[in-house]
Amino acid sequence: NETAFAAIWSPEGPMILRFAAPWRPVAVNVRIGS
């Protein structure tokens, strides 16, 4: 019941590729490409 995500390597360092958000109304947000 938390945010899960995957990251890959980019020329500038680790970058978020995919994520899955939990059902709870308040969760830690992540953005693809961050």
PDB file of all heavy atoms in Angstrom:
ATOM      1  N   ASN A   1       0.828  -1.205   0.000  1.00  0.00           N
ATOM      2  CA  ASN A   1       0.000   0.000   0.000  1.00  0.00           C
ATOM      3  C   ASN A   1       0.867   1.262   0.000  1.00  0.00           C
ATOM      4  O   ASN A   1       0.596   2.232   0.711  1.00  0.00           O
ATOM      5  CB  ASN A   1      -0.970   0.015   1.180  1.00  0.00           C
ATOM      6  CG  ASN A   1      -2.159   0.936   0.934  1.00  0.00           C
ATOM      7  OD1 ASN A   1      -2.414   1.354  -0.207  1.00  0.00           O
ATOM      8  ND2 ASN A   1      -2.890   1.270   1.985  1.00  0.00           N
ATOM      9  N   GLU A   2       1.931   1.215  -0.792  1.00  0.00           N
ATOM     10  CA  GLU A   2       2.837   2.347  -0.952  1.00  0.00           C
ATOM     11  C   GLU A   2       3.173   2.505  -2.436  1.00  0.00           C
ATOM     12  O   GLU A   2       2.852   1.637  -3.251  1.00  0.00           O
ATOM     13  CB  GLU A   2       4.134   2.130  -0.156  1.00  0.00           C
ATOM     14  CG  GLU A   2       3.965   1.953   1.340  1.00  0.00           C
ATOM     15  CD  GLU A   2       3.513   3.231   2.061  1.00  0.00           C
ATOM     16  OE1 GLU A   2       3.434   4.298   1.408  1.00  0.00           O
ATOM     17  OE2 GLU A   2       3.232   3.144   3.270  1.00  0.00           O
ATOM     18  N   THR A   3       3.805   3.596  -2.780  1.00  0.00           N
ATOM     19  CA  THR A   3       4.200   3.836  -4.164  1.00  0.00           C
ATOM     20  C   THR A   3       5.392   2.949  -4.524  1.00  0.00           C
ATOM     21  O   THR A   3       6.390   2.905  -3.802  1.00  0.00           O
ATOM     22  CB  THR A   3       4.583   5.306  -4.379  1.00  0.00           C
ATOM     23  OG1 THR A   3       3.456   6.131  -4.065  1.00  0.00           O
ATOM     24  CG2 THR A   3       4.985   5.558  -5.825  1.00  0.00           C
ATOM     25  N   ALA A   4       5.283   2.245  -5.642  1.00  0.00           N
ATOM     26  CA  ALA A   4       6.371   1.418  -6.155  1.00  0.00           C
ATOM     27  C   ALA A   4       6.788   1.970  -7.515  1.00  0.00           C
ATOM     28  O   ALA A   4       5.947   2.428  -8.286  1.00  0.00           O
ATOM     29  CB  ALA A   4       5.934  -0.036  -6.288  1.00  0.00           C
ATOM     30  N   PHE A   5       8.086   1.927  -7.785  1.00  0.00           N
ATOM     31  CA  PHE A   5       8.533   2.429  -9.084  1.00  0.00           C
ATOM     32  C   PHE A   5       9.812   1.734  -9.530  1.00  0.00           C
ATOM     33  O   PHE A   5      10.501   1.078  -8.736  1.00  0.00           O
ATOM     34  CB  PHE A   5       8.728   3.948  -9.058  1.00  0.00           C
ATOM     35  CG  PHE A   5       9.840   4.447  -8.171  1.00  0.00           C
ATOM     36  CD1 PHE A   5      11.111   4.671  -8.678  1.00  0.00           C
ATOM     37  CD2 PHE A   5       9.608   4.705  -6.824  1.00  0.00           C
ATOM     38  CE1 PHE A   5      12.132   5.137  -7.868  1.00  0.00           C
ATOM     39  CE2 PHE A   5      10.624   5.180  -6.001  1.00  0.00           C
ATOM     40  CZ  PHE A   5      11.893   5.399  -6.531  1.00  0.00           C
ATOM     41  N   ALA A   6      10.102   1.871 -10.820  1.00  0.00           N
ATOM     42  CA  ALA A   6      11.330   1.330 -11.402  1.00  0.00           C
ATOM     43  C   ALA A   6      12.111   2.474 -12.025  1.00  0.00           C
ATOM     44  O   ALA A   6      11.523   3.422 -12.564  1.00  0.00           O
ATOM     45  CB  ALA A   6      11.004   0.279 -12.456  1.00  0.00           C
ATOM     46  N   ALA A   7      13.427   2.391 -11.943  1.00  0.00           N
ATOM     47  CA  ALA A   7      14.295   3.424 -12.502  1.00  0.00           C
ATOM     48  C   ALA A   7      15.369   2.793 -13.359  1.00  0.00           C
ATOM     49  O   ALA A   7      15.797   1.663 -13.101  1.00  0.00           O
ATOM     50  CB  ALA A   7      14.931   4.249 -11.387  1.00  0.00           C
ATOM     51  N   ILE A   8      15.789   3.518 -14.393  1.00  0.00           N
ATOM     52  CA  ILE A   8      16.866   3.065 -15.267  1.00  0.00           C
ATOM     53  C   ILE A   8      17.970   4.114 -15.283  1.00  0.00           C
ATOM     54  O   ILE A   8      17.801   5.213 -14.743  1.00  0.00           O
ATOM     55  CB  ILE A   8      16.361   2.821 -16.706  1.00  0.00           C
ATOM     56  CG1 ILE A   8      15.754   4.118 -17.274  1.00  0.00           C
ATOM     57  CG2 ILE A   8      15.350   1.688 -16.738  1.00  0.00           C
ATOM     58  CD1 ILE A   8      15.398   4.023 -18.747  1.00  0.00           C
ATOM     59  N   TRP A   9      19.081   3.774 -15.895  1.00  0.00           N
ATOM     60  CA  TRP A   9      20.203   4.705 -15.976  1.00  0.00           C
ATOM     61  C   TRP A   9      20.022   5.649 -17.158  1.00  0.00           C
ATOM     62  O   TRP A   9      19.601   5.236 -18.244  1.00  0.00           O
ATOM     63  CB  TRP A   9      21.513   3.947 -16.127  1.00  0.00           C
ATOM     64  CG  TRP A   9      22.724   4.842 -16.117  1.00  0.00           C
ATOM     65  CD1 TRP A   9      23.492   5.204 -17.181  1.00  0.00           C
ATOM     66  CD2 TRP A   9      23.286   5.481 -14.975  1.00  0.00           C
ATOM     67  NE1 TRP A   9      24.497   6.043 -16.774  1.00  0.00           N
ATOM     68  CE2 TRP A   9      24.398   6.227 -15.424  1.00  0.00           C
ATOM     69  CE3 TRP A   9      22.956   5.499 -13.618  1.00  0.00           C
ATOM     70  CZ2 TRP A   9      25.188   6.982 -14.564  1.00  0.00           C
ATOM     71  CZ3 TRP A   9      23.740   6.246 -12.750  1.00  0.00           C
ATOM     72  CH2 TRP A   9      24.842   6.973 -13.222  1.00  0.00           C
ATOM     73  N   SER A  10      20.316   6.910 -16.948  1.00  0.00           N
ATOM     74  CA  SER A  10      20.307   7.912 -18.009  1.00  0.00           C
ATOM     75  C   SER A  10      21.654   8.628 -17.981  1.00  0.00           C
ATOM     76  O   SER A  10      22.424   8.468 -17.025  1.00  0.00           O
ATOM     77  CB  SER A  10      19.170   8.914 -17.793  1.00  0.00           C
ATOM     78  OG  SER A  10      19.538   9.898 -16.830  1.00  0.00           O
ATOM     79  N   PRO A  11      21.978   9.428 -18.991  1.00  0.00           N
ATOM     80  CA  PRO A  11      23.255  10.153 -18.983  1.00  0.00           C
ATOM     81  C   PRO A  11      23.426  11.078 -17.781  1.00  0.00           C
ATOM     82  O   PRO A  11      24.548  11.465 -17.452  1.00  0.00           O
ATOM     83  CB  PRO A  11      23.209  10.956 -20.289  1.00  0.00           C
ATOM     84  CG  PRO A  11      22.325  10.153 -21.182  1.00  0.00           C
ATOM     85  CD  PRO A  11      21.278   9.591 -20.270  1.00  0.00           C
ATOM     86  N   GLU A  12      22.319  11.415 -17.119  1.00  0.00           N
ATOM     87  CA  GLU A  12      22.381  12.303 -15.963  1.00  0.00           C
ATOM     88  C   GLU A  12      22.169  11.580 -14.641  1.00  0.00           C
ATOM     89  O   GLU A  12      22.075  12.217 -13.593  1.00  0.00           O
ATOM     90  CB  GLU A  12      21.352  13.422 -16.117  1.00  0.00           C
ATOM     91  CG  GLU A  12      21.582  14.318 -17.323  1.00  0.00           C
ATOM     92  CD  GLU A  12      20.498  15.351 -17.492  1.00  0.00           C
ATOM     93  OE1 GLU A  12      20.630  16.449 -16.918  1.00  0.00           O
ATOM     94  OE2 GLU A  12      19.504  15.062 -18.186  1.00  0.00           O
ATOM     95  N   GLY A  13      22.099  10.260 -14.696  1.00  0.00           N
ATOM     96  CA  GLY A  13      21.909   9.489 -13.479  1.00  0.00           C
ATOM     97  C   GLY A  13      20.622   8.690 -13.503  1.00  0.00           C
ATOM     98  O   GLY A  13      19.942   8.606 -14.535  1.00  0.00           O
ATOM     99  N   PRO A  14      20.238   8.072 -12.373  1.00  0.00           N
ATOM    100  CA  PRO A  14      19.022   7.254 -12.319  1.00  0.00           C
ATOM    101  C   PRO A  14      17.777   8.072 -12.643  1.00  0.00           C
ATOM    102  O   PRO A  14      17.609   9.194 -12.148  1.00  0.00           O
ATOM    103  CB  PRO A  14      18.992   6.769 -10.865  1.00  0.00           C
ATOM    104  CG  PRO A  14      20.403   6.865 -10.403  1.00  0.00           C
ATOM    105  CD  PRO A  14      20.977   8.063 -11.094  1.00  0.00           C
ATOM    106  N   MET A  15      16.909   7.495 -13.457  1.00  0.00           N
ATOM    107  CA  MET A  15      15.693   8.182 -13.890  1.00  0.00           C
ATOM    108  C   MET A  15      14.488   7.263 -13.730  1.00  0.00           C
ATOM    109  O   MET A  15      14.550   6.084 -14.074  1.00  0.00           O
ATOM    110  CB  MET A  15      15.825   8.609 -15.348  1.00  0.00           C
ATOM    111  CG  MET A  15      14.624   9.362 -15.908  1.00  0.00           C
ATOM    112  SD  MET A  15      14.843   9.799 -17.659  1.00  0.00           S
ATOM    113  CE  MET A  15      14.731   8.173 -18.427  1.00  0.00           C
ATOM    114  N   ILE A  16      13.395   7.803 -13.187  1.00  0.00           N
ATOM    115  CA  ILE A  16      12.174   7.015 -12.972  1.00  0.00           C
ATOM    116  C   ILE A  16      11.534   6.663 -14.312  1.00  0.00           C
ATOM    117  O   ILE A  16      11.305   7.532 -15.152  1.00  0.00           O
ATOM    118  CB  ILE A  16      11.181   7.781 -12.079  1.00  0.00           C
ATOM    119  CG1 ILE A  16      11.800   7.984 -10.684  1.00  0.00           C
ATOM    120  CG2 ILE A  16       9.854   7.019 -11.976  1.00  0.00           C
ATOM    121  CD1 ILE A  16      10.939   8.823  -9.755  1.00  0.00           C
ATOM    122  N   LEU A  17      11.247   5.375 -14.497  1.00  0.00           N
ATOM    123  CA  LEU A  17      10.705   4.865 -15.760  1.00  0.00           C
ATOM    124  C   LEU A  17       9.220   4.517 -15.664  1.00  0.00           C
ATOM    125  O   LEU A  17       8.441   4.843 -16.557  1.00  0.00           O
ATOM    126  CB  LEU A  17      11.487   3.613 -16.177  1.00  0.00           C
ATOM    127  CG  LEU A  17      11.000   2.865 -17.403  1.00  0.00           C
ATOM    128  CD1 LEU A  17      11.278   3.685 -18.658  1.00  0.00           C
ATOM    129  CD2 LEU A  17      11.685   1.497 -17.511  1.00  0.00           C
ATOM    130  N   ARG A  18       8.827   3.843 -14.602  1.00  0.00           N
ATOM    131  CA  ARG A  18       7.446   3.397 -14.397  1.00  0.00           C
ATOM    132  C   ARG A  18       7.121   3.514 -12.920  1.00  0.00           C
ATOM    133  O   ARG A  18       8.006   3.454 -12.072  1.00  0.00           O
ATOM    134  CB  ARG A  18       7.266   1.933 -14.817  1.00  0.00           C
ATOM    135  CG  ARG A  18       7.360   1.664 -16.306  1.00  0.00           C
ATOM    136  CD  ARG A  18       6.054   1.989 -17.012  1.00  0.00           C
ATOM    137  NE  ARG A  18       6.055   1.481 -18.370  1.00  0.00           N
ATOM    138  CZ  ARG A  18       6.622   2.089 -19.403  1.00  0.00           C
ATOM    139  NH1 ARG A  18       7.272   3.219 -19.211  1.00  0.00           N
ATOM    140  NH2 ARG A  18       6.561   1.550 -20.624  1.00  0.00           N
ATOM    141  N   PHE A  19       5.823   3.649 -12.584  1.00  0.00           N
ATOM    142  CA  PHE A  19       5.437   3.628 -11.181  1.00  0.00           C
ATOM    143  C   PHE A  19       4.012   3.127 -11.035  1.00  0.00           C
ATOM    144  O   PHE A  19       3.233   3.111 -11.991  1.00  0.00           O
ATOM    145  CB  PHE A  19       5.584   5.020 -10.540  1.00  0.00           C
ATOM    146  CG  PHE A  19       4.493   5.988 -10.890  1.00  0.00           C
ATOM    147  CD1 PHE A  19       3.360   6.124 -10.095  1.00  0.00           C
ATOM    148  CD2 PHE A  19       4.596   6.786 -12.022  1.00  0.00           C
ATOM    149  CE1 PHE A  19       2.353   7.020 -10.416  1.00  0.00           C
ATOM    150  CE2 PHE A  19       3.603   7.681 -12.359  1.00  0.00           C
ATOM    151  CZ  PHE A  19       2.477   7.798 -11.552  1.00  0.00           C
ATOM    152  N   ALA A  20       3.695   2.687  -9.821  1.00  0.00           N
ATOM    153  CA  ALA A  20       2.334   2.264  -9.474  1.00  0.00           C
ATOM    154  C   ALA A  20       1.987   2.924  -8.150  1.00  0.00           C
ATOM    155  O   ALA A  20       2.753   2.819  -7.183  1.00  0.00           O
ATOM    156  CB  ALA A  20       2.250   0.743  -9.369  1.00  0.00           C
ATOM    157  N   ALA A  21       0.856   3.615  -8.099  1.00  0.00           N
ATOM    158  CA  ALA A  21       0.448   4.347  -6.905  1.00  0.00           C
ATOM    159  C   ALA A  21      -0.477   3.486  -6.044  1.00  0.00           C
ATOM    160  O   ALA A  21      -1.231   2.658  -6.570  1.00  0.00           O
ATOM    161  CB  ALA A  21      -0.248   5.646  -7.292  1.00  0.00           C
ATOM    162  N   PRO A  22      -0.457   3.664  -4.720  1.00  0.00           N
ATOM    163  CA  PRO A  22      -1.335   2.902  -3.825  1.00  0.00           C
ATOM    164  C   PRO A  22      -2.752   3.472  -3.840  1.00  0.00           C
ATOM    165  O   PRO A  22      -3.002   4.542  -4.397  1.00  0.00           O
ATOM    166  CB  PRO A  22      -0.675   3.095  -2.456  1.00  0.00           C
ATOM    167  CG  PRO A  22      -0.066   4.455  -2.551  1.00  0.00           C
ATOM    168  CD  PRO A  22       0.440   4.567  -3.967  1.00  0.00           C
ATOM    169  N   TRP A  23      -3.659   2.761  -3.172  1.00  0.00           N
ATOM    170  CA  TRP A  23      -5.041   3.220  -3.148  1.00  0.00           C
ATOM    171  C   TRP A  23      -5.263   4.320  -2.123  1.00  0.00           C
ATOM    172  O   TRP A  23      -6.239   5.061  -2.181  1.00  0.00           O
ATOM    173  CB  TRP A  23      -5.978   2.052  -2.836  1.00  0.00           C
ATOM    174  CG  TRP A  23      -5.704   1.371  -1.512  1.00  0.00           C
ATOM    175  CD1 TRP A  23      -5.000   0.231  -1.331  1.00  0.00           C
ATOM    176  CD2 TRP A  23      -6.112   1.794  -0.206  1.00  0.00           C
ATOM    177  NE1 TRP A  23      -4.935  -0.100   0.001  1.00  0.00           N
ATOM    178  CE2 TRP A  23      -5.620   0.838   0.720  1.00  0.00           C
ATOM    179  CE3 TRP A  23      -6.851   2.863   0.278  1.00  0.00           C
ATOM    180  CZ2 TRP A  23      -5.833   0.950   2.089  1.00  0.00           C
ATOM    181  CZ3 TRP A  23      -7.064   2.978   1.647  1.00  0.00           C
ATOM    182  CH2 TRP A  23      -6.553   2.030   2.536  1.00  0.00           C
ATOM    183  N   ARG A  24      -4.381   4.458  -1.140  1.00  0.00           N
ATOM    184  CA  ARG A  24      -4.583   5.435  -0.062  1.00  0.00           C
ATOM    185  C   ARG A  24      -4.627   6.857  -0.629  1.00  0.00           C
ATOM    186  O   ARG A  24      -3.932   7.184  -1.599  1.00  0.00           O
ATOM    187  CB  ARG A  24      -3.498   5.294   1.005  1.00  0.00           C
ATOM    188  CG  ARG A  24      -2.100   5.569   0.544  1.00  0.00           C
ATOM    189  CD  ARG A  24      -1.107   5.627   1.721  1.00  0.00           C
ATOM    190  NE  ARG A  24      -0.625   4.320   2.149  1.00  0.00           N
ATOM    191  CZ  ARG A  24      -0.874   3.810   3.346  1.00  0.00           C
ATOM    192  NH1 ARG A  24      -1.603   4.461   4.217  1.00  0.00           N
ATOM    193  NH2 ARG A  24      -0.382   2.626   3.674  1.00  0.00           N
ATOM    194  N   PRO A  25      -5.436   7.743  -0.051  1.00  0.00           N
ATOM    195  CA  PRO A  25      -5.605   9.105  -0.580  1.00  0.00           C
ATOM    196  C   PRO A  25      -4.354   9.970  -0.502  1.00  0.00           C
ATOM    197  O   PRO A  25      -4.161  10.864  -1.307  1.00  0.00           O
ATOM    198  CB  PRO A  25      -6.734   9.692   0.289  1.00  0.00           C
ATOM    199  CG  PRO A  25      -6.708   8.873   1.542  1.00  0.00           C
ATOM    200  CD  PRO A  25      -6.309   7.503   1.112  1.00  0.00           C
ATOM    201  N   VAL A  26      -3.504   9.719   0.495  1.00  0.00           N
ATOM    202  CA  VAL A  26      -2.270  10.493   0.632  1.00  0.00           C
ATOM    203  C   VAL A  26      -1.092   9.541   0.469  1.00  0.00           C
ATOM    204  O   VAL A  26      -0.933   8.595   1.237  1.00  0.00           O
ATOM    205  CB  VAL A  26      -2.196  11.198   2.007  1.00  0.00           C
ATOM    206  CG1 VAL A  26      -0.876  11.958   2.114  1.00  0.00           C
ATOM    207  CG2 VAL A  26      -3.373  12.135   2.195  1.00  0.00           C
ATOM    208  N   ALA A  27      -0.293   9.801  -0.558  1.00  0.00           N
ATOM    209  CA  ALA A  27       0.857   8.928  -0.845  1.00  0.00           C
ATOM    210  C   ALA A  27       1.996   9.775  -1.381  1.00  0.00           C
ATOM    211  O   ALA A  27       1.808  10.914  -1.792  1.00  0.00           O
ATOM    212  CB  ALA A  27       0.465   7.848  -1.850  1.00  0.00           C
ATOM    213  N   VAL A  28       3.185   9.201  -1.361  1.00  0.00           N
ATOM    214  CA  VAL A  28       4.349   9.886  -1.918  1.00  0.00           C
ATOM    215  C   VAL A  28       4.254   9.819  -3.438  1.00  0.00           C
ATOM    216  O   VAL A  28       4.151   8.739  -4.024  1.00  0.00           O
ATOM    217  CB  VAL A  28       5.654   9.225  -1.445  1.00  0.00           C
ATOM    218  CG1 VAL A  28       6.858   9.899  -2.110  1.00  0.00           C
ATOM    219  CG2 VAL A  28       5.771   9.315   0.065  1.00  0.00           C
ATOM    220  N   ASN A  29       4.268  10.982  -4.075  1.00  0.00           N
ATOM    221  CA  ASN A  29       4.158  11.039  -5.526  1.00  0.00           C
ATOM    222  C   ASN A  29       5.534  10.988  -6.184  1.00  0.00           C
ATOM    223  O   ASN A  29       6.498  11.560  -5.682  1.00  0.00           O
ATOM    224  CB  ASN A  29       3.453  12.326  -5.962  1.00  0.00           C
ATOM    225  CG  ASN A  29       1.994  12.348  -5.540  1.00  0.00           C
ATOM    226  OD1 ASN A  29       1.313  11.330  -5.584  1.00  0.00           O
ATOM    227  ND2 ASN A  29       1.508  13.508  -5.129  1.00  0.00           N
ATOM    228  N   VAL A  30       5.619  10.289  -7.300  1.00  0.00           N
ATOM    229  CA  VAL A  30       6.829  10.288  -8.123  1.00  0.00           C
ATOM    230  C   VAL A  30       6.415  10.619  -9.550  1.00  0.00           C
ATOM    231  O   VAL A  30       5.253  10.443  -9.933  1.00  0.00           O
ATOM    232  CB  VAL A  30       7.557   8.925  -8.079  1.00  0.00           C
ATOM    233  CG1 VAL A  30       7.990   8.591  -6.669  1.00  0.00           C
ATOM    234  CG2 VAL A  30       6.672   7.811  -8.635  1.00  0.00           C
ATOM    235  N   ARG A  31       7.355  11.103 -10.325  1.00  0.00           N
ATOM    236  CA  ARG A  31       7.063  11.462 -11.705  1.00  0.00           C
ATOM    237  C   ARG A  31       7.995  10.739 -12.666  1.00  0.00           C
ATOM    238  O   ARG A  31       9.200  10.669 -12.422  1.00  0.00           O
ATOM    239  CB  ARG A  31       7.201  12.977 -11.912  1.00  0.00           C
ATOM    240  CG  ARG A  31       6.132  13.801 -11.193  1.00  0.00           C
ATOM    241  CD  ARG A  31       6.228  15.253 -11.600  1.00  0.00           C
ATOM    242  NE  ARG A  31       7.554  15.817 -11.299  1.00  0.00           N
ATOM    243  CZ  ARG A  31       7.917  17.051 -11.634  1.00  0.00           C
ATOM    244  NH1 ARG A  31       7.088  17.830 -12.299  1.00  0.00           N
ATOM    245  NH2 ARG A  31       9.130  17.494 -11.312  1.00  0.00           N
ATOM    246  N   ILE A  32       7.421  10.219 -13.740  1.00  0.00           N
ATOM    247  CA  ILE A  32       8.220   9.574 -14.775  1.00  0.00           C
ATOM    248  C   ILE A  32       9.178  10.602 -15.380  1.00  0.00           C
ATOM    249  O   ILE A  32       8.785  11.721 -15.700  1.00  0.00           O
ATOM    250  CB  ILE A  32       7.318   8.969 -15.867  1.00  0.00           C
ATOM    251  CG1 ILE A  32       6.497   7.812 -15.290  1.00  0.00           C
ATOM    252  CG2 ILE A  32       8.142   8.493 -17.055  1.00  0.00           C
ATOM    253  CD1 ILE A  32       5.490   7.222 -16.246  1.00  0.00           C
ATOM    254  N   GLY A  33      10.431  10.213 -15.493  1.00  0.00           N
ATOM    255  CA  GLY A  33      11.433  11.111 -16.039  1.00  0.00           C
ATOM    256  C   GLY A  33      12.218  11.871 -14.990  1.00  0.00           C
ATOM    257  O   GLY A  33      13.217  12.523 -15.308  1.00  0.00           O
ATOM    258  N   SER A  34      11.779  11.779 -13.718  1.00  0.00           N
ATOM    259  CA  SER A  34      12.492  12.479 -12.651  1.00  0.00           C
ATOM    260  C   SER A  34      13.845  11.817 -12.403  1.00  0.00           C
ATOM    261  O   SER A  34      13.970  10.592 -12.419  1.00  0.00           O
ATOM    262  CB  SER A  34      11.679  12.457 -11.358  1.00  0.00           C
ATOM    263  OG  SER A  34      10.481  13.198 -11.511  1.00  0.00           O
TER     264      SER A  34
END
